[in-house]
């Protein structure tokens, strides 16, 4: 008898719960609403994912440049400062150039010069060369960093080819410029007092669907 009573109470409780939610009279309608809610959630998640994939490169660039993360150079440059800068002739710095690529990248990629000597406050121009030796178009995208990492905030690029997708047709070759300067304030940084050499390194990746750029230091 007690078992029958408990079953009746449980049945009443469940029915009452469903009734409060407004589904007691039409279970099929409840199922349809649940299905629509699931579809909405899945669709929204898909749209967010697509949106983040499009925003990944700009967000990556903003984060790295804002914090000079992993030796990434500081964001932008002051045009007035460039015009008024005077080279700091007492502190020559050797800039070395390095070129890397991911294992799946089919381009040939190298710097046109191994190193140049610059003075803080002096603009300089360097070039990299990329060649697509394959028989199909290949889209590439590059990241960069500076070593020592502390020098990243003083290494200002006026023009470069990083973070932008670039397509090379079969057997096409392109020369890519890097126009930059070292901020004279580097001479006031006690951590870089004896720094007379900086390495600028680029890494190219093949930009395939779903590809996301790795953080500096994890290439």
C-alpha atoms as a PDB file:
ATOM      1  CA  UNK A   1       0.000   0.000   0.000  1.00  0.00           C
ATOM      2  CA  UNK A   2       2.819   2.361   0.908  1.00  0.00           C
ATOM      3  CA  UNK A   3       4.479   1.608  -2.433  1.00  0.00           C
ATOM      4  CA  UNK A   4       1.306   2.470  -4.329  1.00  0.00           C
ATOM      5  CA  UNK A   5       0.943   5.694  -2.323  1.00  0.00           C
ATOM      6  CA  UNK A   6       4.540   6.759  -3.060  1.00  0.00           C
ATOM      7  CA  UNK A   7       4.046   6.052  -6.781  1.00  0.00           C
ATOM      8  CA  UNK A   8       0.901   8.165  -6.845  1.00  0.00           C
ATOM      9  CA  UNK A   9       2.617  11.015  -5.022  1.00  0.00           C
ATOM     10  CA  UNK A  10       5.597  10.870  -7.415  1.00  0.00           C
ATOM     11  CA  UNK A  11       3.278  10.867 -10.426  1.00  0.00           C
ATOM     12  CA  UNK A  12       1.352  13.821  -9.017  1.00  0.00           C
ATOM     13  CA  UNK A  13       4.554  15.722  -8.279  1.00  0.00           C
ATOM     14  CA  UNK A  14       5.948  15.242 -11.807  1.00  0.00           C
ATOM     15  CA  UNK A  15       2.623  16.171 -13.398  1.00  0.00           C
ATOM     16  CA  UNK A  16       2.374  19.257 -11.236  1.00  0.00           C
ATOM     17  CA  UNK A  17       5.937  20.285 -12.181  1.00  0.00           C
ATOM     18  CA  UNK A  18       5.190  19.917 -15.873  1.00  0.00           C
ATOM     19  CA  UNK A  19       1.919  21.770 -15.498  1.00  0.00           C
ATOM     20  CA  UNK A  20       3.684  24.717 -13.855  1.00  0.00           C
ATOM     21  CA  UNK A  21       5.955  24.936 -16.858  1.00  0.00           C
ATOM     22  CA  UNK A  22       3.011  24.997 -19.223  1.00  0.00           C
ATOM     23  CA  UNK A  23       3.773  21.725 -21.008  1.00  0.00           C
ATOM     24  CA  UNK A  24       1.340  19.294 -19.372  1.00  0.00           C
ATOM     25  CA  UNK A  25      -1.274  19.533 -22.074  1.00  0.00           C
ATOM     26  CA  UNK A  26       1.000  19.336 -25.130  1.00  0.00           C
ATOM     27  CA  UNK A  27       4.226  17.290 -24.730  1.00  0.00           C
ATOM     28  CA  UNK A  28       4.933  17.471 -28.483  1.00  0.00           C
ATOM     29  CA  UNK A  29       4.943  21.278 -28.312  1.00  0.00           C
ATOM     30  CA  UNK A  30       7.429  21.107 -25.445  1.00  0.00           C
ATOM     31  CA  UNK A  31       9.714  18.849 -27.477  1.00  0.00           C
ATOM     32  CA  UNK A  32       9.529  21.205 -30.463  1.00  0.00           C
ATOM     33  CA  UNK A  33      10.483  24.172 -28.270  1.00  0.00           C
ATOM     34  CA  UNK A  34      13.381  22.231 -26.816  1.00  0.00           C
ATOM     35  CA  UNK A  35      14.559  21.334 -30.327  1.00  0.00           C
ATOM     36  CA  UNK A  36      14.326  24.969 -31.476  1.00  0.00           C
ATOM     37  CA  UNK A  37      16.298  26.122 -28.431  1.00  0.00           C
ATOM     38  CA  UNK A  38      19.007  23.563 -29.172  1.00  0.00           C
ATOM     39  CA  UNK A  39      19.191  24.702 -32.805  1.00  0.00           C
ATOM     40  CA  UNK A  40      19.451  28.341 -31.722  1.00  0.00           C
ATOM     41  CA  UNK A  41      22.288  27.587 -29.308  1.00  0.00           C
ATOM     42  CA  UNK A  42      24.213  25.553 -31.880  1.00  0.00           C
ATOM     43  CA  UNK A  43      23.733  28.255 -34.543  1.00  0.00           C
ATOM     44  CA  UNK A  44      24.858  31.002 -32.162  1.00  0.00           C
ATOM     45  CA  UNK A  45      27.932  29.012 -31.167  1.00  0.00           C
ATOM     46  CA  UNK A  46      28.789  28.514 -34.845  1.00  0.00           C
ATOM     47  CA  UNK A  47      28.464  32.223 -35.597  1.00  0.00           C
ATOM     48  CA  UNK A  48      30.667  33.113 -32.628  1.00  0.00           C
ATOM     49  CA  UNK A  49      33.292  30.617 -33.779  1.00  0.00           C
ATOM     50  CA  UNK A  50      33.308  32.032 -37.318  1.00  0.00           C
ATOM     51  CA  UNK A  51      33.499  35.575 -35.974  1.00  0.00           C
ATOM     52  CA  UNK A  52      36.440  34.741 -33.745  1.00  0.00           C
ATOM     53  CA  UNK A  53      38.275  33.055 -36.620  1.00  0.00           C
ATOM     54  CA  UNK A  54      37.990  36.242 -38.709  1.00  0.00           C
ATOM     55  CA  UNK A  55      39.055  38.372 -35.747  1.00  0.00           C
ATOM     56  CA  UNK A  56      41.913  36.085 -34.680  1.00  0.00           C
ATOM     57  CA  UNK A  57      44.670  37.814 -36.655  1.00  0.00           C
ATOM     58  CA  UNK A  58      43.695  41.404 -35.733  1.00  0.00           C
ATOM     59  CA  UNK A  59      43.272  40.441 -32.070  1.00  0.00           C
ATOM     60  CA  UNK A  60      46.580  38.596 -32.099  1.00  0.00           C
ATOM     61  CA  UNK A  61      48.312  41.590 -33.639  1.00  0.00           C
ATOM     62  CA  UNK A  62      46.752  44.027 -31.152  1.00  0.00           C
ATOM     63  CA  UNK A  63      47.707  41.881 -28.175  1.00  0.00           C
ATOM     64  CA  UNK A  64      51.282  41.259 -29.249  1.00  0.00           C
ATOM     65  CA  UNK A  65      51.979  44.845 -30.251  1.00  0.00           C
ATOM     66  CA  UNK A  66      50.337  46.359 -27.195  1.00  0.00           C
ATOM     67  CA  UNK A  67      52.502  44.329 -24.830  1.00  0.00           C
ATOM     68  CA  UNK A  68      55.570  43.630 -26.992  1.00  0.00           C
ATOM     69  CA  UNK A  69      54.814  39.975 -26.215  1.00  0.00           C
ATOM     70  CA  UNK A  70      57.586  37.546 -27.064  1.00  0.00           C
ATOM     71  CA  UNK A  71      59.716  40.300 -28.513  1.00  0.00           C
ATOM     72  CA  UNK A  72      56.992  41.574 -30.826  1.00  0.00           C
ATOM     73  CA  UNK A  73      57.657  45.168 -31.772  1.00  0.00           C
ATOM     74  CA  UNK A  74      55.604  47.979 -30.313  1.00  0.00           C
ATOM     75  CA  UNK A  75      52.486  49.203 -32.093  1.00  0.00           C
ATOM     76  CA  UNK A  76      52.747  52.003 -34.610  1.00  0.00           C
ATOM     77  CA  UNK A  77      55.142  54.907 -34.647  1.00  0.00           C
ATOM     78  CA  UNK A  78      55.030  58.607 -34.009  1.00  0.00           C
ATOM     79  CA  UNK A  79      55.393  60.387 -37.382  1.00  0.00           C
ATOM     80  CA  UNK A  80      56.495  63.614 -35.712  1.00  0.00           C
ATOM     81  CA  UNK A  81      59.069  61.734 -33.698  1.00  0.00           C
ATOM     82  CA  UNK A  82      60.482  60.129 -36.843  1.00  0.00           C
ATOM     83  CA  UNK A  83      60.835  63.539 -38.465  1.00  0.00           C
ATOM     84  CA  UNK A  84      62.577  65.067 -35.462  1.00  0.00           C
ATOM     85  CA  UNK A  85      64.782  62.151 -34.373  1.00  0.00           C
ATOM     86  CA  UNK A  86      68.527  62.530 -34.330  1.00  0.00           C
ATOM     87  CA  UNK A  87      70.674  59.408 -34.715  1.00  0.00           C
ATOM     88  CA  UNK A  88      72.481  58.337 -31.582  1.00  0.00           C
ATOM     89  CA  UNK A  89      75.936  57.865 -33.107  1.00  0.00           C
ATOM     90  CA  UNK A  90      77.480  56.621 -29.874  1.00  0.00           C
ATOM     91  CA  UNK A  91      75.468  53.394 -29.890  1.00  0.00           C
ATOM     92  CA  UNK A  92      75.690  51.428 -33.164  1.00  0.00           C
ATOM     93  CA  UNK A  93      73.487  48.338 -33.172  1.00  0.00           C
ATOM     94  CA  UNK A  94      73.830  45.363 -35.505  1.00  0.00           C
ATOM     95  CA  UNK A  95      70.474  44.139 -36.786  1.00  0.00           C
ATOM     96  CA  UNK A  96      70.526  40.503 -37.844  1.00  0.00           C
ATOM     97  CA  UNK A  97      67.785  39.048 -40.033  1.00  0.00           C
ATOM     98  CA  UNK A  98      66.356  35.575 -39.736  1.00  0.00           C
ATOM     99  CA  UNK A  99      63.760  33.720 -41.823  1.00  0.00           C
ATOM    100  CA  UNK A 100      61.827  30.621 -40.784  1.00  0.00           C
ATOM    101  CA  UNK A 101      58.770  28.772 -42.037  1.00  0.00           C
ATOM    102  CA  UNK A 102      56.444  26.118 -40.721  1.00  0.00           C
ATOM    103  CA  UNK A 103      56.945  22.501 -41.740  1.00  0.00           C
ATOM    104  CA  UNK A 104      53.929  22.594 -44.070  1.00  0.00           C
ATOM    105  CA  UNK A 105      54.822  25.904 -45.739  1.00  0.00           C
ATOM    106  CA  UNK A 106      55.821  25.362 -49.388  1.00  0.00           C
ATOM    107  CA  UNK A 107      57.465  28.730 -49.996  1.00  0.00           C
ATOM    108  CA  UNK A 108      61.164  29.406 -50.056  1.00  0.00           C
ATOM    109  CA  UNK A 109      61.764  32.333 -47.721  1.00  0.00           C
ATOM    110  CA  UNK A 110      64.965  34.185 -46.834  1.00  0.00           C
ATOM    111  CA  UNK A 111      66.357  37.644 -45.987  1.00  0.00           C
ATOM    112  CA  UNK A 112      68.245  39.480 -48.730  1.00  0.00           C
ATOM    113  CA  UNK A 113      70.835  40.662 -46.203  1.00  0.00           C
ATOM    114  CA  UNK A 114      72.194  38.842 -43.189  1.00  0.00           C
ATOM    115  CA  UNK A 115      72.782  41.967 -41.106  1.00  0.00           C
ATOM    116  CA  UNK A 116      73.071  45.741 -41.193  1.00  0.00           C
ATOM    117  CA  UNK A 117      74.356  48.297 -38.690  1.00  0.00           C
ATOM    118  CA  UNK A 118      72.037  51.104 -37.617  1.00  0.00           C
ATOM    119  CA  UNK A 119      72.009  53.874 -35.045  1.00  0.00           C
ATOM    120  CA  UNK A 120      69.036  54.498 -32.741  1.00  0.00           C
ATOM    121  CA  UNK A 121      66.966  57.301 -34.244  1.00  0.00           C
ATOM    122  CA  UNK A 122      67.978  56.366 -37.792  1.00  0.00           C
ATOM    123  CA  UNK A 123      65.531  54.767 -40.241  1.00  0.00           C
ATOM    124  CA  UNK A 124      66.640  51.676 -42.146  1.00  0.00           C
ATOM    125  CA  UNK A 125      65.317  49.515 -44.960  1.00  0.00           C
ATOM    126  CA  UNK A 126      65.736  45.761 -45.375  1.00  0.00           C
ATOM    127  CA  UNK A 127      64.201  43.146 -47.676  1.00  0.00           C
ATOM    128  CA  UNK A 128      63.045  39.555 -47.521  1.00  0.00           C
ATOM    129  CA  UNK A 129      62.373  37.354 -50.545  1.00  0.00           C
ATOM    130  CA  UNK A 130      59.669  34.715 -50.880  1.00  0.00           C
ATOM    131  CA  UNK A 131      59.296  32.249 -53.749  1.00  0.00           C
ATOM    132  CA  UNK A 132      56.504  29.783 -54.421  1.00  0.00           C
ATOM    133  CA  UNK A 133      58.245  26.853 -56.166  1.00  0.00           C
ATOM    134  CA  UNK A 134      55.080  24.765 -56.358  1.00  0.00           C
ATOM    135  CA  UNK A 135      52.632  24.423 -59.237  1.00  0.00           C
ATOM    136  CA  UNK A 136      49.666  25.767 -57.263  1.00  0.00           C
ATOM    137  CA  UNK A 137      48.900  29.135 -55.631  1.00  0.00           C
ATOM    138  CA  UNK A 138      49.895  29.276 -51.969  1.00  0.00           C
ATOM    139  CA  UNK A 139      48.667  31.796 -49.405  1.00  0.00           C
ATOM    140  CA  UNK A 140      51.062  32.690 -46.611  1.00  0.00           C
ATOM    141  CA  UNK A 141      50.933  34.747 -43.438  1.00  0.00           C
ATOM    142  CA  UNK A 142      53.827  35.701 -41.190  1.00  0.00           C
ATOM    143  CA  UNK A 143      54.571  36.553 -37.589  1.00  0.00           C
ATOM    144  CA  UNK A 144      57.737  38.108 -36.209  1.00  0.00           C
ATOM    145  CA  UNK A 145      59.663  38.718 -33.035  1.00  0.00           C
ATOM    146  CA  UNK A 146      62.779  40.447 -31.793  1.00  0.00           C
ATOM    147  CA  UNK A 147      65.626  39.074 -29.683  1.00  0.00           C
ATOM    148  CA  UNK A 148      66.417  40.145 -27.037  1.00  0.00           C
ATOM    149  CA  UNK A 149      62.740  40.375 -26.120  1.00  0.00           C
ATOM    150  CA  UNK A 150      63.288  43.551 -24.102  1.00  0.00           C
ATOM    151  CA  UNK A 151      64.277  45.366 -27.295  1.00  0.00           C
ATOM    152  CA  UNK A 152      60.864  44.781 -28.888  1.00  0.00           C
ATOM    153  CA  UNK A 153      59.381  47.950 -27.410  1.00  0.00           C
ATOM    154  CA  UNK A 154      62.127  50.046 -29.079  1.00  0.00           C
ATOM    155  CA  UNK A 155      62.021  48.312 -32.467  1.00  0.00           C
ATOM    156  CA  UNK A 156      59.487  50.298 -34.496  1.00  0.00           C
ATOM    157  CA  UNK A 157      58.404  49.094 -37.931  1.00  0.00           C
ATOM    158  CA  UNK A 158      57.057  51.781 -40.251  1.00  0.00           C
ATOM    159  CA  UNK A 159      56.283  49.263 -42.985  1.00  0.00           C
ATOM    160  CA  UNK A 160      56.326  45.471 -42.986  1.00  0.00           C
ATOM    161  CA  UNK A 161      54.541  42.439 -44.388  1.00  0.00           C
ATOM    162  CA  UNK A 162      53.496  40.714 -41.172  1.00  0.00           C
ATOM    163  CA  UNK A 163      49.989  39.552 -40.221  1.00  0.00           C
ATOM    164  CA  UNK A 164      48.612  40.049 -43.742  1.00  0.00           C
ATOM    165  CA  UNK A 165      47.717  37.115 -45.991  1.00  0.00           C
ATOM    166  CA  UNK A 166      49.701  37.099 -49.206  1.00  0.00           C
ATOM    167  CA  UNK A 167      49.132  34.820 -52.181  1.00  0.00           C
ATOM    168  CA  UNK A 168      51.940  33.782 -54.487  1.00  0.00           C
ATOM    169  CA  UNK A 169      51.055  32.196 -57.798  1.00  0.00           C
ATOM    170  CA  UNK A 170      52.974  29.147 -59.033  1.00  0.00           C
ATOM    171  CA  UNK A 171      56.712  29.968 -59.309  1.00  0.00           C
ATOM    172  CA  UNK A 172      56.109  33.602 -58.372  1.00  0.00           C
ATOM    173  CA  UNK A 173      58.755  35.553 -56.469  1.00  0.00           C
ATOM    174  CA  UNK A 174      58.217  38.675 -54.381  1.00  0.00           C
ATOM    175  CA  UNK A 175      60.525  41.046 -52.491  1.00  0.00           C
ATOM    176  CA  UNK A 176      59.052  42.273 -49.213  1.00  0.00           C
ATOM    177  CA  UNK A 177      60.389  45.430 -47.511  1.00  0.00           C
ATOM    178  CA  UNK A 178      60.835  46.134 -43.816  1.00  0.00           C
ATOM    179  CA  UNK A 179      61.209  49.835 -43.029  1.00  0.00           C
ATOM    180  CA  UNK A 180      62.085  50.426 -39.381  1.00  0.00           C
ATOM    181  CA  UNK A 181      63.972  52.379 -36.752  1.00  0.00           C
ATOM    182  CA  UNK A 182      65.272  51.835 -33.223  1.00  0.00           C
ATOM    183  CA  UNK A 183      63.875  54.309 -30.718  1.00  0.00           C
ATOM    184  CA  UNK A 184      66.699  56.378 -29.170  1.00  0.00           C
ATOM    185  CA  UNK A 185      65.122  55.746 -25.760  1.00  0.00           C
ATOM    186  CA  UNK A 186      66.724  52.317 -25.873  1.00  0.00           C
ATOM    187  CA  UNK A 187      69.867  54.027 -24.597  1.00  0.00           C
ATOM    188  CA  UNK A 188      68.068  54.906 -21.347  1.00  0.00           C
ATOM    189  CA  UNK A 189      67.004  51.325 -20.598  1.00  0.00           C
ATOM    190  CA  UNK A 190      69.365  49.805 -17.987  1.00  0.00           C
ATOM    191  CA  UNK A 191      68.437  46.295 -19.115  1.00  0.00           C
ATOM    192  CA  UNK A 192      69.772  47.038 -22.610  1.00  0.00           C
ATOM    193  CA  UNK A 193      72.808  49.056 -21.614  1.00  0.00           C
ATOM    194  CA  UNK A 194      75.174  46.607 -23.274  1.00  0.00           C
ATOM    195  CA  UNK A 195      72.875  45.542 -26.107  1.00  0.00           C
ATOM    196  CA  UNK A 196      74.672  46.012 -29.422  1.00  0.00           C
ATOM    197  CA  UNK A 197      72.906  43.293 -31.425  1.00  0.00           C
ATOM    198  CA  UNK A 198      69.232  42.657 -32.231  1.00  0.00           C
ATOM    199  CA  UNK A 199      67.795  39.817 -34.287  1.00  0.00           C
ATOM    200  CA  UNK A 200      64.610  40.365 -36.285  1.00  0.00           C
ATOM    201  CA  UNK A 201      62.997  37.057 -37.117  1.00  0.00           C
ATOM    202  CA  UNK A 202      60.019  36.310 -39.379  1.00  0.00           C
ATOM    203  CA  UNK A 203      58.181  33.010 -39.637  1.00  0.00           C
ATOM    204  CA  UNK A 204      55.831  32.232 -42.533  1.00  0.00           C
ATOM    205  CA  UNK A 205      52.901  29.830 -42.289  1.00  0.00           C
ATOM    206  CA  UNK A 206      50.578  28.540 -44.973  1.00  0.00           C
ATOM    207  CA  UNK A 207      47.174  30.144 -44.355  1.00  0.00           C
ATOM    208  CA  UNK A 208      44.788  27.211 -44.629  1.00  0.00           C
ATOM    209  CA  UNK A 209      41.107  27.151 -43.532  1.00  0.00           C
ATOM    210  CA  UNK A 210      40.891  26.978 -39.756  1.00  0.00           C
ATOM    211  CA  UNK A 211      44.507  28.047 -39.269  1.00  0.00           C
ATOM    212  CA  UNK A 212      45.309  30.166 -36.211  1.00  0.00           C
ATOM    213  CA  UNK A 213      48.589  31.917 -35.591  1.00  0.00           C
ATOM    214  CA  UNK A 214      50.651  30.550 -32.703  1.00  0.00           C
ATOM    215  CA  UNK A 215      51.746  32.889 -29.948  1.00  0.00           C
ATOM    216  CA  UNK A 216      55.326  34.176 -30.139  1.00  0.00           C
ATOM    217  CA  UNK A 217      57.711  31.807 -28.448  1.00  0.00           C
ATOM    218  CA  UNK A 218      55.540  28.802 -29.358  1.00  0.00           C
ATOM    219  CA  UNK A 219      56.356  28.594 -33.041  1.00  0.00           C
END
